[in-house]
Every structure is written in C-alpha cells, then in structure tokens.
Amino acid sequence: YARLIPTPELNRAVQEILNRVRPPATSSGKHLKFYYAAQTSTKPPTFALYVNNPRYRIKNYVSYLERGLRERFGFQGIPIVLDWKRSQ
C-alpha cells in the first residue's frame, strides 16, 4: 500500500497501457496526449498525469487506465488517485 514506484517505471507502464488502447477522441474530435507521469504520494497512491488538456479525458478511459495501473503494480482493492495536470 505504501509502495513508491520509480518515475521511469511508472512512465513505461502508462505508455504500455495507452499503447494497448489509444485514448478516444472527445465529441469535438480532440485527443488526450500524454506527456509523463509521476507518483506524488503513497497513502493513497497518487499519480500526477501531465497531459495536453485534462478536459479531453473520457470517464471510461480513465477507468481503463486506473485498472491497468492497479493490475500492473498490485493495487487491487486499494483506492488510487489520478491527478490530471495540464502540460505543454
């Protein structure tokens, strides 16, 4: 539960998850673009995700990403927080 994931390992995992299923476009045709991720807290596990525009995230895709991170790092049954941040 108090696991700290190294940033390079986290970024590889996020990229693999995103490559399996690409983020869908919003209703206006915009796509979420991922830049990098970093773990900012361990209790609960909190991850900052730096993207082009957090408004482009789609609820089902956020759930898919959370599920992928849980499976990859053994966080089943543990709440995780994804903190979406704008980066350019």
C-alpha atoms as a PDB file:
ATOM      1  CA  TYR A   1       0.000   0.000   0.000  1.00  0.00           C
ATOM      2  CA  ALA A   2       2.902   2.361   0.706  1.00  0.00           C
ATOM      3  CA  ARG A   3       4.778   1.430  -2.448  1.00  0.00           C
ATOM      4  CA  LEU A   4       6.768   4.139  -4.242  1.00  0.00           C
ATOM      5  CA  ILE A   5       7.087   3.486  -7.963  1.00  0.00           C
ATOM      6  CA  PRO A   6      10.137   4.966  -9.724  1.00  0.00           C
ATOM      7  CA  THR A   7       9.120   7.561 -12.319  1.00  0.00           C
ATOM      8  CA  PRO A   8      10.734   5.774 -15.313  1.00  0.00           C
ATOM      9  CA  GLU A   9       8.957   2.511 -14.415  1.00  0.00           C
ATOM     10  CA  LEU A  10       5.645   4.344 -13.995  1.00  0.00           C
ATOM     11  CA  ASN A  11       6.029   6.100 -17.346  1.00  0.00           C
ATOM     12  CA  ARG A  12       6.806   2.834 -19.139  1.00  0.00           C
ATOM     13  CA  ALA A  13       3.712   1.238 -17.594  1.00  0.00           C
ATOM     14  CA  VAL A  14       1.444   4.156 -18.505  1.00  0.00           C
ATOM     15  CA  GLN A  15       2.804   4.186 -22.066  1.00  0.00           C
ATOM     16  CA  GLU A  16       2.202   0.430 -22.437  1.00  0.00           C
ATOM     17  CA  ILE A  17      -1.368   0.814 -21.161  1.00  0.00           C
ATOM     18  CA  LEU A  18      -2.001   3.722 -23.548  1.00  0.00           C
ATOM     19  CA  ASN A  19      -0.488   1.829 -26.488  1.00  0.00           C
ATOM     20  CA  ARG A  20      -2.824  -1.142 -25.957  1.00  0.00           C
ATOM     21  CA  VAL A  21      -5.895   1.079 -26.351  1.00  0.00           C
ATOM     22  CA  ARG A  22      -5.376   4.593 -27.661  1.00  0.00           C
ATOM     23  CA  PRO A  23      -7.315   7.412 -25.953  1.00  0.00           C
ATOM     24  CA  PRO A  24     -10.572   8.086 -27.813  1.00  0.00           C
ATOM     25  CA  ALA A  25     -11.367  11.497 -29.253  1.00  0.00           C
ATOM     26  CA  THR A  26     -13.757  13.849 -27.496  1.00  0.00           C
ATOM     27  CA  SER A  27     -17.031  14.827 -29.152  1.00  0.00           C
ATOM     28  CA  SER A  28     -15.176  17.783 -30.715  1.00  0.00           C
ATOM     29  CA  GLY A  29     -12.512  15.471 -32.175  1.00  0.00           C
ATOM     30  CA  LYS A  30      -9.732  16.385 -29.726  1.00  0.00           C
ATOM     31  CA  HIS A  31      -7.362  13.711 -28.407  1.00  0.00           C
ATOM     32  CA  LEU A  32      -5.756  13.380 -24.997  1.00  0.00           C
ATOM     33  CA  LYS A  33      -1.967  13.494 -25.358  1.00  0.00           C
ATOM     34  CA  PHE A  34       0.122  12.033 -22.537  1.00  0.00           C
ATOM     35  CA  TYR A  35       3.479  13.630 -21.664  1.00  0.00           C
ATOM     36  CA  TYR A  36       4.600  11.953 -18.431  1.00  0.00           C
ATOM     37  CA  ALA A  37       3.512  10.695 -15.016  1.00  0.00           C
ATOM     38  CA  ALA A  38       4.970  10.892 -11.517  1.00  0.00           C
ATOM     39  CA  GLN A  39       3.885   9.448  -8.194  1.00  0.00           C
ATOM     40  CA  THR A  40       3.205  12.274  -5.740  1.00  0.00           C
ATOM     41  CA  SER A  41       2.004  10.327  -2.680  1.00  0.00           C
ATOM     42  CA  THR A  42       1.900   6.778  -1.338  1.00  0.00           C
ATOM     43  CA  LYS A  43      -1.096   6.773   1.036  1.00  0.00           C
ATOM     44  CA  PRO A  44      -3.241   6.592  -1.009  1.00  0.00           C
ATOM     45  CA  PRO A  45      -1.147   6.024  -4.128  1.00  0.00           C
ATOM     46  CA  THR A  46      -1.452   9.298  -6.045  1.00  0.00           C
ATOM     47  CA  PHE A  47      -0.181   9.873  -9.554  1.00  0.00           C
ATOM     48  CA  ALA A  48       0.178  13.175 -11.394  1.00  0.00           C
ATOM     49  CA  LEU A  49      -0.510  12.692 -15.094  1.00  0.00           C
ATOM     50  CA  TYR A  50       0.715  15.510 -17.316  1.00  0.00           C
ATOM     51  CA  VAL A  51      -1.356  15.798 -20.488  1.00  0.00           C
ATOM     52  CA  ASN A  52      -2.128  18.379 -23.172  1.00  0.00           C
ATOM     53  CA  ASN A  53      -5.560  19.193 -21.716  1.00  0.00           C
ATOM     54  CA  PRO A  54      -7.204  17.385 -18.768  1.00  0.00           C
ATOM     55  CA  ARG A  55     -10.641  18.255 -20.179  1.00  0.00           C
ATOM     56  CA  TYR A  56     -10.020  15.790 -23.026  1.00  0.00           C
ATOM     57  CA  ARG A  57     -10.135  12.790 -20.687  1.00  0.00           C
ATOM     58  CA  ILE A  58     -13.094  10.466 -21.043  1.00  0.00           C
ATOM     59  CA  LYS A  59     -14.533   8.702 -17.983  1.00  0.00           C
ATOM     60  CA  ASN A  60     -14.378   5.174 -19.409  1.00  0.00           C
ATOM     61  CA  TYR A  61     -10.777   5.675 -20.484  1.00  0.00           C
ATOM     62  CA  VAL A  62      -9.824   6.993 -17.032  1.00  0.00           C
ATOM     63  CA  SER A  63     -11.299   3.790 -15.546  1.00  0.00           C
ATOM     64  CA  TYR A  64      -9.311   1.723 -18.056  1.00  0.00           C
ATOM     65  CA  LEU A  65      -6.080   3.500 -17.075  1.00  0.00           C
ATOM     66  CA  GLU A  66      -6.779   3.098 -13.338  1.00  0.00           C
ATOM     67  CA  ARG A  67      -7.488  -0.605 -13.833  1.00  0.00           C
ATOM     68  CA  GLY A  68      -4.259  -1.023 -15.806  1.00  0.00           C
ATOM     69  CA  LEU A  69      -2.196   0.659 -13.086  1.00  0.00           C
ATOM     70  CA  ARG A  70      -3.843  -1.463 -10.389  1.00  0.00           C
ATOM     71  CA  GLU A  71      -3.073  -4.673 -12.265  1.00  0.00           C
ATOM     72  CA  ARG A  72       0.483  -3.666 -13.134  1.00  0.00           C
ATOM     73  CA  PHE A  73       1.528  -2.545  -9.655  1.00  0.00           C
ATOM     74  CA  GLY A  74      -0.642  -4.732  -7.401  1.00  0.00           C
ATOM     75  CA  PHE A  75      -3.008  -2.042  -6.150  1.00  0.00           C
ATOM     76  CA  GLN A  76      -6.137  -4.241  -6.333  1.00  0.00           C
ATOM     77  CA  GLY A  77      -8.600  -3.210  -3.653  1.00  0.00           C
ATOM     78  CA  ILE A  78      -6.661  -0.026  -2.890  1.00  0.00           C
ATOM     79  CA  PRO A  79      -8.002   3.383  -3.893  1.00  0.00           C
ATOM     80  CA  ILE A  80      -5.679   5.258  -6.224  1.00  0.00           C
ATOM     81  CA  VAL A  81      -5.847   8.909  -7.211  1.00  0.00           C
ATOM     82  CA  LEU A  82      -5.084  10.222 -10.687  1.00  0.00           C
ATOM     83  CA  ASP A  83      -4.325  13.934 -10.598  1.00  0.00           C
ATOM     84  CA  TRP A  84      -4.618  15.262 -14.156  1.00  0.00           C
ATOM     85  CA  LYS A  85      -2.423  18.277 -14.880  1.00  0.00           C
ATOM     86  CA  ARG A  86      -2.016  20.414 -17.965  1.00  0.00           C
ATOM     87  CA  SER A  87       1.437  20.468 -19.540  1.00  0.00           C
ATOM     88  CA  GLN A  88       2.713  21.936 -22.792  1.00  0.00           C
END
